[in-house]
Amino acid sequence: MINEVIKKNGITYGVMIGIASALVTATIYAIDLNLFTAWWMGILGIVISLTISIILLSKTKKELKGVFPFKDAFTTYFIAAVIGVLISTTFNILLFNVIDPGAKDTLSDIMVKYTANMMQKFGAPAASINEAIAKMKENNPYSTFELLKGSAFAIVISAVFGLIFAAFFKSKTTQE
C-alpha cells in the first residue's frame, strides 16, 4: 500500500511536470518551430523537470519527518515522472496529430535540414548524410506511434534518474 503523502505528492508534482512540459512545447510551437532544434531548449526542459523533482522529493521527505526509505523516494519520483510523461505525450499527440497535423510535417522537414547541416559541419560523407535523411523521412518523430514509443523511452530514462534521486534523498539509516 502506498503512503498517502507519497501518492498525493507524486500525482500533484507529476501534473506540474506534465503541464510545464506542455507549456514549453506550446510556447515553442507559438513562437517558432525551429526552436525544437535548439539544444538549449532541451536543456531548459530538463532543468525545469529536475527542479520540480528535487522540490517534490525535498517536500515529501520533510512531510514524512525525515523517514524516507529508498523505495518510497523512488516511488514518489517515479509516480511524478510517469504522470508528467503521460501528460506531455498526450499534449504532443493532440497538438501534432489533431490540432495541427501540418506542424508535424513542417517539423520533420526542419529536423531533416538540421540533421543534414550538422552532419555536413562534422564532415560526414554525402552517402551517410543521404542515408540518414532517407531514414528520417521514413519515420516522423511526431506521429502518434513515435510519440508513444518516445514516452516509453522517457519512462525508462526517468526510472534511472529516479534511482539516482532516491539514493540521494533517502533517509540515512540509524543502524550500523
N, C-alpha and C. Protein backbone atom coordinates (compact mmCIF):
# COMPACT_ATOMS: atom_id res chain seq x y z
N MET A 1 0.84 -1.18 0.00
CA MET A 1 0.00 0.00 0.00
C MET A 1 0.89 1.25 0.00
N ILE A 2 0.59 2.18 -0.86
CA ILE A 2 1.40 3.40 -0.97
C ILE A 2 0.93 4.42 0.06
N ASN A 3 1.89 5.01 0.73
CA ASN A 3 1.62 6.08 1.69
C ASN A 3 0.87 7.21 0.99
N GLU A 4 -0.12 7.79 1.66
CA GLU A 4 -0.95 8.84 1.07
C GLU A 4 -0.13 10.09 0.69
N VAL A 5 0.87 10.43 1.51
CA VAL A 5 1.71 11.60 1.21
C VAL A 5 2.47 11.37 -0.09
N ILE A 6 3.01 10.17 -0.23
CA ILE A 6 3.77 9.82 -1.44
C ILE A 6 2.86 9.88 -2.66
N LYS A 7 1.68 9.30 -2.53
CA LYS A 7 0.73 9.28 -3.65
C LYS A 7 0.30 10.70 -4.02
N LYS A 8 -0.10 11.46 -3.01
CA LYS A 8 -0.60 12.83 -3.25
C LYS A 8 0.49 13.70 -3.89
N ASN A 9 1.69 13.67 -3.32
CA ASN A 9 2.78 14.49 -3.86
C ASN A 9 3.21 14.02 -5.24
N GLY A 10 3.29 12.71 -5.44
CA GLY A 10 3.67 12.18 -6.74
C GLY A 10 2.71 12.62 -7.83
N ILE A 11 1.42 12.53 -7.53
CA ILE A 11 0.41 12.93 -8.52
C ILE A 11 0.44 14.44 -8.75
N THR A 12 0.45 15.20 -7.66
CA THR A 12 0.45 16.67 -7.78
C THR A 12 1.65 17.17 -8.58
N TYR A 13 2.83 16.70 -8.23
CA TYR A 13 4.03 17.17 -8.91
C TYR A 13 4.16 16.57 -10.31
N GLY A 14 3.61 15.39 -10.53
CA GLY A 14 3.57 14.82 -11.87
C GLY A 14 2.74 15.68 -12.80
N VAL A 15 1.61 16.15 -12.30
CA VAL A 15 0.76 17.05 -13.08
C VAL A 15 1.53 18.34 -13.37
N MET A 16 2.26 18.84 -12.37
CA MET A 16 3.06 20.06 -12.58
C MET A 16 4.11 19.85 -13.67
N ILE A 17 4.80 18.72 -13.62
CA ILE A 17 5.83 18.42 -14.62
C ILE A 17 5.19 18.33 -16.01
N GLY A 18 4.07 17.62 -16.10
CA GLY A 18 3.38 17.48 -17.39
C GLY A 18 2.90 18.80 -17.94
N ILE A 19 2.33 19.64 -17.08
CA ILE A 19 1.85 20.96 -17.53
C ILE A 19 3.02 21.84 -17.93
N ALA A 20 4.11 21.81 -17.15
CA ALA A 20 5.29 22.60 -17.50
C ALA A 20 5.83 22.18 -18.86
N SER A 21 5.90 20.89 -19.10
CA SER A 21 6.38 20.38 -20.38
C SER A 21 5.46 20.79 -21.52
N ALA A 22 4.16 20.69 -21.30
CA ALA A 22 3.19 21.09 -22.32
C ALA A 22 3.29 22.59 -22.60
N LEU A 23 3.50 23.38 -21.55
CA LEU A 23 3.64 24.83 -21.74
C LEU A 23 4.91 25.18 -22.53
N VAL A 24 6.00 24.47 -22.25
CA VAL A 24 7.23 24.71 -23.01
C VAL A 24 6.99 24.37 -24.48
N THR A 25 6.37 23.21 -24.73
CA THR A 25 6.07 22.81 -26.10
C THR A 25 5.15 23.81 -26.79
N ALA A 26 4.10 24.24 -26.10
CA ALA A 26 3.15 25.19 -26.69
C ALA A 26 3.83 26.53 -26.97
N THR A 27 4.73 26.94 -26.09
CA THR A 27 5.45 28.20 -26.29
C THR A 27 6.36 28.11 -27.51
N ILE A 28 7.09 27.02 -27.62
CA ILE A 28 7.96 26.83 -28.79
C ILE A 28 7.11 26.81 -30.06
N TYR A 29 6.01 26.07 -30.01
CA TYR A 29 5.09 25.98 -31.17
C TYR A 29 4.60 27.37 -31.57
N ALA A 30 4.23 28.18 -30.58
CA ALA A 30 3.67 29.50 -30.87
C ALA A 30 4.72 30.49 -31.36
N ILE A 31 5.94 30.36 -30.88
CA ILE A 31 7.00 31.32 -31.23
C ILE A 31 7.66 30.96 -32.56
N ASP A 32 8.23 29.75 -32.64
CA ASP A 32 8.99 29.37 -33.84
C ASP A 32 9.30 27.88 -33.78
N LEU A 33 8.82 27.12 -34.74
CA LEU A 33 9.06 25.68 -34.76
C LEU A 33 10.55 25.34 -34.83
N ASN A 34 11.36 26.24 -35.35
CA ASN A 34 12.79 25.99 -35.42
C ASN A 34 13.43 25.84 -34.04
N LEU A 35 12.76 26.37 -33.01
CA LEU A 35 13.30 26.24 -31.65
C LEU A 35 13.32 24.79 -31.18
N PHE A 36 12.55 23.91 -31.83
CA PHE A 36 12.59 22.50 -31.45
C PHE A 36 13.96 21.89 -31.71
N THR A 37 14.78 22.52 -32.55
CA THR A 37 16.12 22.01 -32.80
C THR A 37 17.18 22.69 -31.94
N ALA A 38 16.78 23.66 -31.13
CA ALA A 38 17.74 24.38 -30.29
C ALA A 38 18.11 23.52 -29.08
N TRP A 39 19.39 23.24 -28.94
CA TRP A 39 19.85 22.38 -27.85
C TRP A 39 19.50 22.96 -26.49
N TRP A 40 19.53 24.27 -26.37
CA TRP A 40 19.28 24.90 -25.09
C TRP A 40 17.83 24.77 -24.65
N MET A 41 16.92 24.57 -25.60
CA MET A 41 15.52 24.34 -25.22
C MET A 41 15.37 22.97 -24.56
N GLY A 42 16.09 22.00 -25.05
CA GLY A 42 16.09 20.68 -24.41
C GLY A 42 16.65 20.74 -23.01
N ILE A 43 17.74 21.50 -22.86
CA ILE A 43 18.34 21.67 -21.53
C ILE A 43 17.35 22.37 -20.60
N LEU A 44 16.67 23.39 -21.10
CA LEU A 44 15.68 24.11 -20.29
C LEU A 44 14.58 23.17 -19.79
N GLY A 45 14.08 22.32 -20.66
CA GLY A 45 13.05 21.36 -20.27
C GLY A 45 13.54 20.41 -19.20
N ILE A 46 14.77 19.93 -19.34
CA ILE A 46 15.34 19.02 -18.35
C ILE A 46 15.53 19.73 -17.01
N VAL A 47 16.03 20.95 -17.06
CA VAL A 47 16.24 21.72 -15.82
C VAL A 47 14.91 21.96 -15.09
N ILE A 48 13.88 22.32 -15.82
CA ILE A 48 12.57 22.53 -15.20
C ILE A 48 12.08 21.24 -14.54
N SER A 49 12.17 20.15 -15.26
CA SER A 49 11.72 18.86 -14.74
C SER A 49 12.51 18.43 -13.51
N LEU A 50 13.83 18.56 -13.57
CA LEU A 50 14.67 18.16 -12.44
C LEU A 50 14.44 19.06 -11.23
N THR A 51 14.24 20.35 -11.47
CA THR A 51 13.96 21.28 -10.36
C THR A 51 12.66 20.90 -9.66
N ILE A 52 11.63 20.66 -10.43
CA ILE A 52 10.35 20.25 -9.83
C ILE A 52 10.52 18.94 -9.07
N SER A 53 11.31 18.02 -9.61
CA SER A 53 11.52 16.72 -8.96
C SER A 53 12.27 16.88 -7.64
N ILE A 54 13.27 17.74 -7.61
CA ILE A 54 14.02 17.97 -6.37
C ILE A 54 13.11 18.59 -5.31
N ILE A 55 12.29 19.55 -5.72
CA ILE A 55 11.33 20.16 -4.79
C ILE A 55 10.36 19.09 -4.28
N LEU A 56 9.88 18.23 -5.18
CA LEU A 56 8.98 17.15 -4.81
C LEU A 56 9.59 16.26 -3.73
N LEU A 57 10.80 15.79 -3.97
CA LEU A 57 11.43 14.86 -3.03
C LEU A 57 11.78 15.54 -1.71
N SER A 58 12.23 16.77 -1.77
CA SER A 58 12.53 17.51 -0.53
C SER A 58 11.27 17.70 0.30
N LYS A 59 10.20 18.11 -0.35
CA LYS A 59 8.93 18.35 0.35
C LYS A 59 8.39 17.05 0.94
N THR A 60 8.43 15.98 0.16
CA THR A 60 7.90 14.70 0.62
C THR A 60 8.71 14.19 1.81
N LYS A 61 10.02 14.29 1.74
CA LYS A 61 10.87 13.85 2.85
C LYS A 61 10.54 14.66 4.11
N LYS A 62 10.34 15.95 3.94
CA LYS A 62 10.00 16.82 5.08
C LYS A 62 8.65 16.42 5.66
N GLU A 63 7.65 16.19 4.80
CA GLU A 63 6.32 15.81 5.27
C GLU A 63 6.32 14.46 5.97
N LEU A 64 7.27 13.59 5.60
CA LEU A 64 7.39 12.28 6.23
C LEU A 64 8.33 12.35 7.44
N LYS A 65 8.67 13.55 7.85
CA LYS A 65 9.51 13.82 9.02
C LYS A 65 10.88 13.13 8.93
N GLY A 66 11.43 13.13 7.71
CA GLY A 66 12.78 12.60 7.50
C GLY A 66 12.86 11.10 7.33
N VAL A 67 11.74 10.38 7.52
CA VAL A 67 11.73 8.93 7.34
C VAL A 67 11.35 8.66 5.89
N PHE A 68 12.36 8.49 5.06
CA PHE A 68 12.15 8.40 3.60
C PHE A 68 13.04 7.29 3.04
N PRO A 69 12.59 6.03 3.16
CA PRO A 69 13.40 4.93 2.63
C PRO A 69 13.57 5.03 1.11
N PHE A 70 14.57 4.36 0.62
CA PHE A 70 14.90 4.37 -0.81
C PHE A 70 13.66 4.05 -1.65
N LYS A 71 12.92 3.00 -1.28
CA LYS A 71 11.74 2.59 -2.06
C LYS A 71 10.72 3.71 -2.13
N ASP A 72 10.47 4.37 -1.02
CA ASP A 72 9.49 5.46 -1.00
C ASP A 72 9.95 6.65 -1.83
N ALA A 73 11.25 6.96 -1.75
CA ALA A 73 11.79 8.07 -2.54
C ALA A 73 11.66 7.76 -4.03
N PHE A 74 12.01 6.53 -4.42
CA PHE A 74 11.90 6.14 -5.82
C PHE A 74 10.45 6.17 -6.28
N THR A 75 9.56 5.61 -5.46
CA THR A 75 8.14 5.56 -5.82
C THR A 75 7.57 6.96 -6.02
N THR A 76 7.92 7.88 -5.12
CA THR A 76 7.44 9.26 -5.22
C THR A 76 7.88 9.87 -6.55
N TYR A 77 9.17 9.76 -6.85
CA TYR A 77 9.71 10.33 -8.09
C TYR A 77 9.07 9.65 -9.31
N PHE A 78 8.98 8.33 -9.27
CA PHE A 78 8.52 7.59 -10.44
C PHE A 78 7.06 7.89 -10.75
N ILE A 79 6.22 8.01 -9.73
CA ILE A 79 4.82 8.38 -9.96
C ILE A 79 4.76 9.73 -10.68
N ALA A 80 5.51 10.70 -10.17
CA ALA A 80 5.52 12.03 -10.77
C ALA A 80 6.05 11.98 -12.21
N ALA A 81 7.12 11.24 -12.42
CA ALA A 81 7.72 11.17 -13.75
C ALA A 81 6.76 10.54 -14.77
N VAL A 82 6.12 9.44 -14.39
CA VAL A 82 5.22 8.76 -15.32
C VAL A 82 4.03 9.67 -15.66
N ILE A 83 3.46 10.31 -14.64
CA ILE A 83 2.32 11.21 -14.91
C ILE A 83 2.77 12.38 -15.79
N GLY A 84 3.94 12.93 -15.50
CA GLY A 84 4.47 14.03 -16.32
C GLY A 84 4.67 13.61 -17.77
N VAL A 85 5.26 12.44 -17.98
CA VAL A 85 5.49 11.94 -19.34
C VAL A 85 4.16 11.70 -20.05
N LEU A 86 3.18 11.12 -19.36
CA LEU A 86 1.89 10.84 -19.98
C LEU A 86 1.15 12.11 -20.37
N ILE A 87 1.18 13.12 -19.51
CA ILE A 87 0.53 14.40 -19.84
C ILE A 87 1.23 15.05 -21.02
N SER A 88 2.54 15.09 -20.98
CA SER A 88 3.32 15.71 -22.05
C SER A 88 3.07 14.99 -23.39
N THR A 89 3.10 13.67 -23.36
CA THR A 89 2.89 12.89 -24.58
C THR A 89 1.47 13.09 -25.12
N THR A 90 0.49 13.09 -24.23
CA THR A 90 -0.90 13.32 -24.66
C THR A 90 -1.02 14.69 -25.33
N PHE A 91 -0.41 15.71 -24.71
CA PHE A 91 -0.45 17.05 -25.30
C PHE A 91 0.20 17.05 -26.68
N ASN A 92 1.36 16.41 -26.81
CA ASN A 92 2.06 16.38 -28.10
C ASN A 92 1.25 15.64 -29.16
N ILE A 93 0.61 14.53 -28.77
CA ILE A 93 -0.22 13.79 -29.73
C ILE A 93 -1.37 14.67 -30.20
N LEU A 94 -2.03 15.34 -29.26
CA LEU A 94 -3.13 16.22 -29.63
C LEU A 94 -2.66 17.37 -30.53
N LEU A 95 -1.56 18.02 -30.14
CA LEU A 95 -1.07 19.16 -30.90
C LEU A 95 -0.67 18.77 -32.32
N PHE A 96 0.13 17.72 -32.46
CA PHE A 96 0.72 17.39 -33.75
C PHE A 96 -0.10 16.43 -34.60
N ASN A 97 -1.13 15.82 -34.03
CA ASN A 97 -1.91 14.86 -34.81
C ASN A 97 -3.39 15.19 -34.88
N VAL A 98 -3.86 16.14 -34.06
CA VAL A 98 -5.27 16.52 -34.08
C VAL A 98 -5.41 18.02 -34.37
N ILE A 99 -4.78 18.84 -33.55
CA ILE A 99 -4.94 20.29 -33.66
C ILE A 99 -4.27 20.83 -34.92
N ASP A 100 -2.99 20.47 -35.15
CA ASP A 100 -2.25 20.98 -36.31
C ASP A 100 -1.37 19.88 -36.91
N PRO A 101 -1.97 18.94 -37.64
CA PRO A 101 -1.18 17.85 -38.22
C PRO A 101 -0.11 18.34 -39.19
N GLY A 102 -0.32 19.50 -39.80
CA GLY A 102 0.68 20.04 -40.72
C GLY A 102 1.98 20.41 -40.02
N ALA A 103 1.89 20.72 -38.74
CA ALA A 103 3.09 21.10 -37.98
C ALA A 103 4.07 19.94 -37.88
N LYS A 104 3.57 18.71 -37.80
CA LYS A 104 4.50 17.58 -37.69
C LYS A 104 5.29 17.41 -38.99
N ASP A 105 4.67 17.70 -40.14
CA ASP A 105 5.39 17.62 -41.41
C ASP A 105 6.43 18.75 -41.50
N THR A 106 6.03 19.93 -41.07
CA THR A 106 6.96 21.06 -41.06
C THR A 106 8.14 20.76 -40.14
N LEU A 107 7.84 20.24 -38.96
CA LEU A 107 8.89 19.88 -38.01
C LEU A 107 9.80 18.80 -38.55
N SER A 108 9.22 17.84 -39.23
CA SER A 108 10.02 16.78 -39.84
C SER A 108 11.00 17.36 -40.84
N ASP A 109 10.53 18.28 -41.67
CA ASP A 109 11.42 18.94 -42.64
C ASP A 109 12.52 19.74 -41.94
N ILE A 110 12.16 20.44 -40.88
CA ILE A 110 13.14 21.23 -40.12
C ILE A 110 14.20 20.30 -39.53
N MET A 111 13.76 19.16 -38.97
CA MET A 111 14.71 18.22 -38.37
C MET A 111 15.63 17.61 -39.43
N VAL A 112 15.11 17.32 -40.60
CA VAL A 112 15.93 16.75 -41.68
C VAL A 112 17.01 17.76 -42.08
N LYS A 113 16.61 19.02 -42.29
CA LYS A 113 17.58 20.06 -42.66
C LYS A 113 18.62 20.27 -41.57
N TYR A 114 18.16 20.31 -40.33
CA TYR A 114 19.07 20.50 -39.20
C TYR A 114 20.09 19.36 -39.12
N THR A 115 19.62 18.13 -39.26
CA THR A 115 20.50 16.96 -39.20
C THR A 115 21.51 16.98 -40.34
N ALA A 116 21.02 17.29 -41.55
CA ALA A 116 21.93 17.34 -42.70
C ALA A 116 23.01 18.41 -42.50
N ASN A 117 22.61 19.59 -42.00
CA ASN A 117 23.59 20.66 -41.75
C ASN A 117 24.61 20.26 -40.70
N MET A 118 24.13 19.63 -39.62
CA MET A 118 25.05 19.20 -38.56
C MET A 118 26.03 18.15 -39.08
N MET A 119 25.51 17.20 -39.85
CA MET A 119 26.38 16.14 -40.39
C MET A 119 27.43 16.74 -41.34
N GLN A 120 27.01 17.74 -42.14
CA GLN A 120 27.96 18.39 -43.03
C GLN A 120 29.04 19.12 -42.24
N LYS A 121 28.64 19.81 -41.17
CA LYS A 121 29.61 20.53 -40.33
C LYS A 121 30.64 19.60 -39.73
N PHE A 122 30.21 18.36 -39.41
CA PHE A 122 31.13 17.40 -38.83
C PHE A 122 31.86 16.58 -39.88
N GLY A 123 31.66 16.93 -41.15
CA GLY A 123 32.42 16.29 -42.23
C GLY A 123 31.94 14.90 -42.61
N ALA A 124 30.69 14.59 -42.38
CA ALA A 124 30.17 13.27 -42.76
C ALA A 124 30.11 13.16 -44.27
N PRO A 125 30.40 11.98 -44.80
CA PRO A 125 30.32 11.79 -46.25
C PRO A 125 28.89 11.94 -46.75
N ALA A 126 28.74 12.37 -47.99
CA ALA A 126 27.43 12.60 -48.59
C ALA A 126 26.54 11.35 -48.53
N ALA A 127 27.14 10.18 -48.72
CA ALA A 127 26.36 8.93 -48.68
C ALA A 127 25.73 8.72 -47.30
N SER A 128 26.48 9.03 -46.25
CA SER A 128 25.96 8.89 -44.88
C SER A 128 24.84 9.88 -44.62
N ILE A 129 25.03 11.10 -45.11
CA ILE A 129 24.00 12.13 -44.93
C ILE A 129 22.73 11.72 -45.65
N ASN A 130 22.86 11.26 -46.90
CA ASN A 130 21.68 10.84 -47.67
C ASN A 130 20.97 9.66 -47.00
N GLU A 131 21.75 8.72 -46.46
CA GLU A 131 21.16 7.56 -45.77
C GLU A 131 20.40 8.01 -44.52
N ALA A 132 20.99 8.92 -43.75
CA ALA A 132 20.34 9.42 -42.53
C ALA A 132 19.04 10.16 -42.87
N ILE A 133 19.08 10.95 -43.93
CA ILE A 133 17.89 11.70 -44.35
C ILE A 133 16.79 10.74 -44.80
N ALA A 134 17.16 9.71 -45.55
CA ALA A 134 16.17 8.73 -46.01
C ALA A 134 15.51 8.04 -44.82
N LYS A 135 16.31 7.67 -43.80
CA LYS A 135 15.74 7.03 -42.61
C LYS A 135 14.81 7.98 -41.86
N MET A 136 15.21 9.24 -41.77
CA MET A 136 14.39 10.22 -41.07
C MET A 136 13.05 10.43 -41.77
N LYS A 137 13.06 10.39 -43.10
CA LYS A 137 11.82 10.61 -43.85
C LYS A 137 10.87 9.41 -43.73
N GLU A 138 11.42 8.24 -43.41
CA GLU A 138 10.58 7.05 -43.23
C GLU A 138 9.75 7.15 -41.95
N ASN A 139 10.34 7.71 -40.90
CA ASN A 139 9.66 7.81 -39.60
C ASN A 139 9.51 9.26 -39.20
N ASN A 140 8.29 9.66 -38.91
CA ASN A 140 8.07 11.02 -38.42
C ASN A 140 8.04 10.97 -36.90
N PRO A 141 8.99 11.63 -36.22
CA PRO A 141 9.06 11.55 -34.76
C PRO A 141 7.84 12.14 -34.04
N TYR A 142 6.98 12.83 -34.77
CA TYR A 142 5.80 13.44 -34.15
C TYR A 142 4.52 12.68 -34.47
N SER A 143 4.64 11.51 -35.09
CA SER A 143 3.46 10.68 -35.31
C SER A 143 3.05 10.09 -33.95
N THR A 144 1.81 9.68 -33.84
CA THR A 144 1.31 9.13 -32.58
C THR A 144 2.16 7.96 -32.13
N PHE A 145 2.47 7.04 -33.04
CA PHE A 145 3.26 5.86 -32.68
C PHE A 145 4.64 6.25 -32.17
N GLU A 146 5.32 7.14 -32.86
CA GLU A 146 6.66 7.55 -32.45
C GLU A 146 6.64 8.31 -31.12
N LEU A 147 5.61 9.12 -30.91
CA LEU A 147 5.50 9.83 -29.63
C LEU A 147 5.27 8.84 -28.48
N LEU A 148 4.46 7.82 -28.71
CA LEU A 148 4.23 6.80 -27.69
C LEU A 148 5.51 6.00 -27.42
N LYS A 149 6.22 5.68 -28.49
CA LYS A 149 7.49 4.98 -28.34
C LYS A 149 8.48 5.84 -27.55
N GLY A 150 8.51 7.12 -27.86
CA GLY A 150 9.38 8.04 -27.14
C GLY A 150 9.01 8.16 -25.67
N SER A 151 7.71 8.08 -25.38
CA SER A 151 7.28 8.17 -23.98
C SER A 151 7.74 6.94 -23.19
N ALA A 152 7.73 5.78 -23.83
CA ALA A 152 8.22 4.57 -23.16
C ALA A 152 9.71 4.73 -22.84
N PHE A 153 10.46 5.25 -23.79
CA PHE A 153 11.88 5.51 -23.57
C PHE A 153 12.08 6.53 -22.45
N ALA A 154 11.25 7.58 -22.44
CA ALA A 154 11.35 8.61 -21.40
C ALA A 154 11.07 8.03 -20.01
N ILE A 155 10.15 7.09 -19.92
CA ILE A 155 9.85 6.46 -18.64
C ILE A 155 11.03 5.63 -18.16
N VAL A 156 11.69 4.94 -19.08
CA VAL A 156 12.89 4.16 -18.71
C VAL A 156 14.00 5.09 -18.22
N ILE A 157 14.23 6.18 -18.93
CA ILE A 157 15.25 7.16 -18.52
C ILE A 157 14.86 7.76 -17.16
N SER A 158 13.57 8.02 -16.97
CA SER A 158 13.09 8.56 -15.70
C SER A 158 13.35 7.58 -14.56
N ALA A 159 13.23 6.30 -14.82
CA ALA A 159 13.50 5.30 -13.79
C ALA A 159 14.96 5.37 -13.36
N VAL A 160 15.86 5.59 -14.31
CA VAL A 160 17.28 5.71 -13.97
C VAL A 160 17.50 6.95 -13.10
N PHE A 161 16.91 8.08 -13.51
CA PHE A 161 17.01 9.29 -12.69
C PHE A 161 16.38 9.05 -11.32
N GLY A 162 15.28 8.31 -11.28
CA GLY A 162 14.60 8.01 -10.03
C GLY A 162 15.50 7.24 -9.08
N LEU A 163 16.26 6.30 -9.61
CA LEU A 163 17.19 5.53 -8.77
C LEU A 163 18.27 6.44 -8.18
N ILE A 164 18.76 7.34 -9.00
CA ILE A 164 19.81 8.27 -8.54
C ILE A 164 19.24 9.21 -7.48
N PHE A 165 18.08 9.79 -7.77
CA PHE A 165 17.46 10.70 -6.81
C PHE A 165 17.09 9.99 -5.51
N ALA A 166 16.57 8.76 -5.62
CA ALA A 166 16.19 8.01 -4.43
C ALA A 166 17.40 7.73 -3.55
N ALA A 167 18.52 7.42 -4.17
CA ALA A 167 19.74 7.18 -3.40
C ALA A 167 20.19 8.45 -2.68
N PHE A 168 19.98 9.58 -3.32
CA PHE A 168 20.40 10.85 -2.73
C PHE A 168 19.45 11.32 -1.63
N PHE A 169 18.15 11.15 -1.84
CA PHE A 169 17.15 11.70 -0.92
C PHE A 169 16.71 10.73 0.19
N LYS A 170 17.08 9.46 0.08
CA LYS A 170 16.64 8.51 1.10
C LYS A 170 17.17 8.93 2.46
N SER A 171 16.42 8.54 3.50
CA SER A 171 16.87 8.89 4.84
C SER A 171 18.04 7.99 5.21
N LYS A 172 18.92 8.51 6.02
CA LYS A 172 20.08 7.74 6.49
C LYS A 172 19.61 6.75 7.54
N THR A 173 20.16 5.56 7.48
CA THR A 173 19.77 4.56 8.48
C THR A 173 20.48 4.86 9.78
N THR A 174 19.83 4.52 10.90
CA THR A 174 20.44 4.78 12.20
C THR A 174 21.20 3.57 12.70
N GLN A 175 20.97 2.42 12.07
CA GLN A 175 21.69 1.20 12.48
C GLN A 175 22.96 1.07 11.65
N GLU A 176 24.02 0.67 12.32
CA GLU A 176 25.28 0.45 11.58
C GLU A 176 25.97 -0.77 12.09
